[in-house]
Amino acid sequence: AGSLVALLLAAGCVSGIPPERLKTWVGRPAATLEKDWGPPTREVQEGDLRILIYEEVENPRISGLQGTTSAYRRGAVQSPDEPSPGPAVYVRSYLFWVNPQGTIVDSAVRAP
């Protein structure tokens, strides 16, 4: 069972969150997304819509779950006394368009 979990985690690190899973957020309040995923990495304005952007990065020097730090898990901040594990590499972004009423109206995944 442990190897299956490791395989699934590795697969998740490679492919990220599928777009169809992101689409389940459409029609839901952005406040719920921010409660579940934490604050976005950044936010931009596009006309009357806000775009909440969650960036996913990986550290290639660390394997396994600790090697992936996603914006929706960014609440876990590294202690200043812990050594830096090395540079992070940008993997993909998860974008959510939010209307003025605070409802998510669209979502997308962007990769380099």
C-alpha atoms as a PDB file:
ATOM      1  CA  ALA A   1       0.000   0.000   0.000  1.00  0.00           C
ATOM      2  CA  GLY A   2       2.877   2.372   0.787  1.00  0.00           C
ATOM      3  CA  SER A   3       4.332   2.032  -2.704  1.00  0.00           C
ATOM      4  CA  LEU A   4       0.928   2.801  -4.218  1.00  0.00           C
ATOM      5  CA  VAL A   5       0.719   6.008  -2.164  1.00  0.00           C
ATOM      6  CA  ALA A   6       4.261   6.957  -3.238  1.00  0.00           C
ATOM      7  CA  LEU A   7       3.348   6.272  -6.867  1.00  0.00           C
ATOM      8  CA  LEU A   8       0.211   8.407  -6.615  1.00  0.00           C
ATOM      9  CA  LEU A   9       2.140  11.227  -4.949  1.00  0.00           C
ATOM     10  CA  ALA A  10       4.800  11.086  -7.637  1.00  0.00           C
ATOM     11  CA  ALA A  11       2.122  11.142 -10.337  1.00  0.00           C
ATOM     12  CA  GLY A  12       0.483  14.147  -8.649  1.00  0.00           C
ATOM     13  CA  CYS A  13       3.789  15.996  -8.579  1.00  0.00           C
ATOM     14  CA  VAL A  14       4.286  15.452 -12.295  1.00  0.00           C
ATOM     15  CA  SER A  15       0.847  16.362 -13.568  1.00  0.00           C
ATOM     16  CA  GLY A  16      -0.504  18.712 -10.906  1.00  0.00           C
ATOM     17  CA  ILE A  17      -4.207  19.355 -10.418  1.00  0.00           C
ATOM     18  CA  PRO A  18      -6.207  18.524 -13.558  1.00  0.00           C
ATOM     19  CA  PRO A  19      -8.187  21.375 -15.184  1.00  0.00           C
ATOM     20  CA  GLU A  20     -11.483  19.497 -14.746  1.00  0.00           C
ATOM     21  CA  ARG A  21     -10.904  19.447 -10.974  1.00  0.00           C
ATOM     22  CA  LEU A  22     -10.276  23.204 -11.004  1.00  0.00           C
ATOM     23  CA  LYS A  23     -13.556  23.692 -12.887  1.00  0.00           C
ATOM     24  CA  THR A  24     -15.401  22.359  -9.820  1.00  0.00           C
ATOM     25  CA  TRP A  25     -14.601  25.726  -8.189  1.00  0.00           C
ATOM     26  CA  VAL A  26     -16.552  27.668 -10.852  1.00  0.00           C
ATOM     27  CA  GLY A  27     -19.709  29.098  -9.288  1.00  0.00           C
ATOM     28  CA  ARG A  28     -18.307  28.879  -5.755  1.00  0.00           C
ATOM     29  CA  PRO A  29     -17.188  31.815  -3.560  1.00  0.00           C
ATOM     30  CA  ALA A  30     -13.555  32.872  -3.874  1.00  0.00           C
ATOM     31  CA  ALA A  31     -13.521  33.190  -0.076  1.00  0.00           C
ATOM     32  CA  THR A  32     -14.027  29.406   0.162  1.00  0.00           C
ATOM     33  CA  LEU A  33     -11.088  28.818  -2.198  1.00  0.00           C
ATOM     34  CA  GLU A  34      -8.875  31.126  -0.128  1.00  0.00           C
ATOM     35  CA  LYS A  35      -9.983  29.375   3.058  1.00  0.00           C
ATOM     36  CA  ASP A  36      -9.099  25.954   1.598  1.00  0.00           C
ATOM     37  CA  TRP A  37      -5.955  26.876  -0.359  1.00  0.00           C
ATOM     38  CA  GLY A  38      -4.731  29.903   1.602  1.00  0.00           C
ATOM     39  CA  PRO A  39      -4.010  33.308   0.100  1.00  0.00           C
ATOM     40  CA  PRO A  40      -3.059  33.350  -3.588  1.00  0.00           C
ATOM     41  CA  THR A  41       0.571  33.781  -4.591  1.00  0.00           C
ATOM     42  CA  ARG A  42      -0.528  36.893  -6.416  1.00  0.00           C
ATOM     43  CA  GLU A  43      -3.624  38.636  -7.676  1.00  0.00           C
ATOM     44  CA  VAL A  44      -4.134  40.701 -10.828  1.00  0.00           C
ATOM     45  CA  GLN A  45      -7.013  42.732 -12.202  1.00  0.00           C
ATOM     46  CA  GLU A  46      -8.474  42.027 -15.668  1.00  0.00           C
ATOM     47  CA  GLY A  47     -11.264  44.485 -16.395  1.00  0.00           C
ATOM     48  CA  ASP A  48     -13.848  44.040 -13.649  1.00  0.00           C
ATOM     49  CA  LEU A  49     -12.522  40.549 -12.778  1.00  0.00           C
ATOM     50  CA  ARG A  50      -9.811  39.631 -10.289  1.00  0.00           C
ATOM     51  CA  ILE A  51      -7.522  36.743 -11.146  1.00  0.00           C
ATOM     52  CA  LEU A  52      -6.295  34.762  -8.151  1.00  0.00           C
ATOM     53  CA  ILE A  53      -3.040  33.010  -9.063  1.00  0.00           C
ATOM     54  CA  TYR A  54      -1.640  30.069  -7.136  1.00  0.00           C
ATOM     55  CA  GLU A  55       1.862  29.137  -8.283  1.00  0.00           C
ATOM     56  CA  GLU A  56       3.252  25.662  -7.771  1.00  0.00           C
ATOM     57  CA  VAL A  57       7.006  25.197  -7.404  1.00  0.00           C
ATOM     58  CA  GLU A  58       9.195  22.159  -6.864  1.00  0.00           C
ATOM     59  CA  ASN A  59      12.616  21.739  -5.368  1.00  0.00           C
ATOM     60  CA  PRO A  60      14.486  19.287  -7.619  1.00  0.00           C
ATOM     61  CA  ARG A  61      16.983  18.435  -4.848  1.00  0.00           C
ATOM     62  CA  ILE A  62      14.299  16.911  -2.635  1.00  0.00           C
ATOM     63  CA  SER A  63      12.212  13.955  -3.748  1.00  0.00           C
ATOM     64  CA  GLY A  64       8.754  13.014  -2.554  1.00  0.00           C
ATOM     65  CA  LEU A  65       6.036  15.157  -1.074  1.00  0.00           C
ATOM     66  CA  GLN A  66       8.434  17.551   0.677  1.00  0.00           C
ATOM     67  CA  GLY A  67       9.905  18.355  -2.746  1.00  0.00           C
ATOM     68  CA  THR A  68       6.686  20.013  -3.845  1.00  0.00           C
ATOM     69  CA  THR A  69       5.540  23.258  -2.310  1.00  0.00           C
ATOM     70  CA  SER A  70       2.244  24.457  -3.675  1.00  0.00           C
ATOM     71  CA  ALA A  71       0.797  27.888  -3.136  1.00  0.00           C
ATOM     72  CA  TYR A  72      -2.311  26.330  -1.623  1.00  0.00           C
ATOM     73  CA  ARG A  73       0.002  24.793   0.980  1.00  0.00           C
ATOM     74  CA  ARG A  74       2.258  27.826   1.406  1.00  0.00           C
ATOM     75  CA  GLY A  75       1.129  28.388   4.983  1.00  0.00           C
ATOM     76  CA  ALA A  76       3.969  26.115   6.086  1.00  0.00           C
ATOM     77  CA  VAL A  77       6.814  28.615   6.199  1.00  0.00           C
ATOM     78  CA  GLN A  78      10.386  27.443   6.623  1.00  0.00           C
ATOM     79  CA  SER A  79      12.012  28.401   9.903  1.00  0.00           C
ATOM     80  CA  PRO A  80      14.921  30.856   9.561  1.00  0.00           C
ATOM     81  CA  ASP A  81      17.270  28.386  11.344  1.00  0.00           C
ATOM     82  CA  GLU A  82      16.535  25.567   8.864  1.00  0.00           C
ATOM     83  CA  PRO A  83      19.004  25.292   5.996  1.00  0.00           C
ATOM     84  CA  SER A  84      17.615  26.196   2.601  1.00  0.00           C
ATOM     85  CA  PRO A  85      16.962  23.048   0.546  1.00  0.00           C
ATOM     86  CA  GLY A  86      18.012  24.777  -2.688  1.00  0.00           C
ATOM     87  CA  PRO A  87      16.349  26.875  -5.372  1.00  0.00           C
ATOM     88  CA  ALA A  88      12.717  26.285  -6.212  1.00  0.00           C
ATOM     89  CA  VAL A  89      11.681  25.731  -9.808  1.00  0.00           C
ATOM     90  CA  TYR A  90       8.396  27.090 -11.194  1.00  0.00           C
ATOM     91  CA  VAL A  91       6.147  24.250 -12.364  1.00  0.00           C
ATOM     92  CA  ARG A  92       2.663  25.618 -13.082  1.00  0.00           C
ATOM     93  CA  SER A  93       0.042  28.190 -12.092  1.00  0.00           C
ATOM     94  CA  TYR A  94      -3.604  27.715 -11.176  1.00  0.00           C
ATOM     95  CA  LEU A  95      -5.738  30.724 -12.146  1.00  0.00           C
ATOM     96  CA  PHE A  96      -9.211  31.597 -10.906  1.00  0.00           C
ATOM     97  CA  TRP A  97     -11.234  34.498 -12.349  1.00  0.00           C
ATOM     98  CA  VAL A  98     -13.482  36.138  -9.748  1.00  0.00           C
ATOM     99  CA  ASN A  99     -16.368  38.495 -10.527  1.00  0.00           C
ATOM    100  CA  PRO A 100     -17.144  41.645  -8.476  1.00  0.00           C
ATOM    101  CA  GLN A 101     -19.629  39.615  -6.376  1.00  0.00           C
ATOM    102  CA  GLY A 102     -16.782  37.334  -5.226  1.00  0.00           C
ATOM    103  CA  THR A 103     -17.822  34.272  -7.256  1.00  0.00           C
ATOM    104  CA  ILE A 104     -15.335  32.227  -9.288  1.00  0.00           C
ATOM    105  CA  VAL A 105     -16.414  32.399 -12.945  1.00  0.00           C
ATOM    106  CA  ASP A 106     -13.558  30.528 -14.659  1.00  0.00           C
ATOM    107  CA  SER A 107     -10.341  28.612 -13.959  1.00  0.00           C
ATOM    108  CA  ALA A 108      -7.275  27.407 -15.850  1.00  0.00           C
ATOM    109  CA  VAL A 109      -3.900  25.730 -15.452  1.00  0.00           C
ATOM    110  CA  ARG A 110      -0.827  27.353 -17.019  1.00  0.00           C
ATOM    111  CA  ALA A 111       2.525  25.612 -17.361  1.00  0.00           C
ATOM    112  CA  PRO A 112       5.755  26.982 -18.814  1.00  0.00           C
END
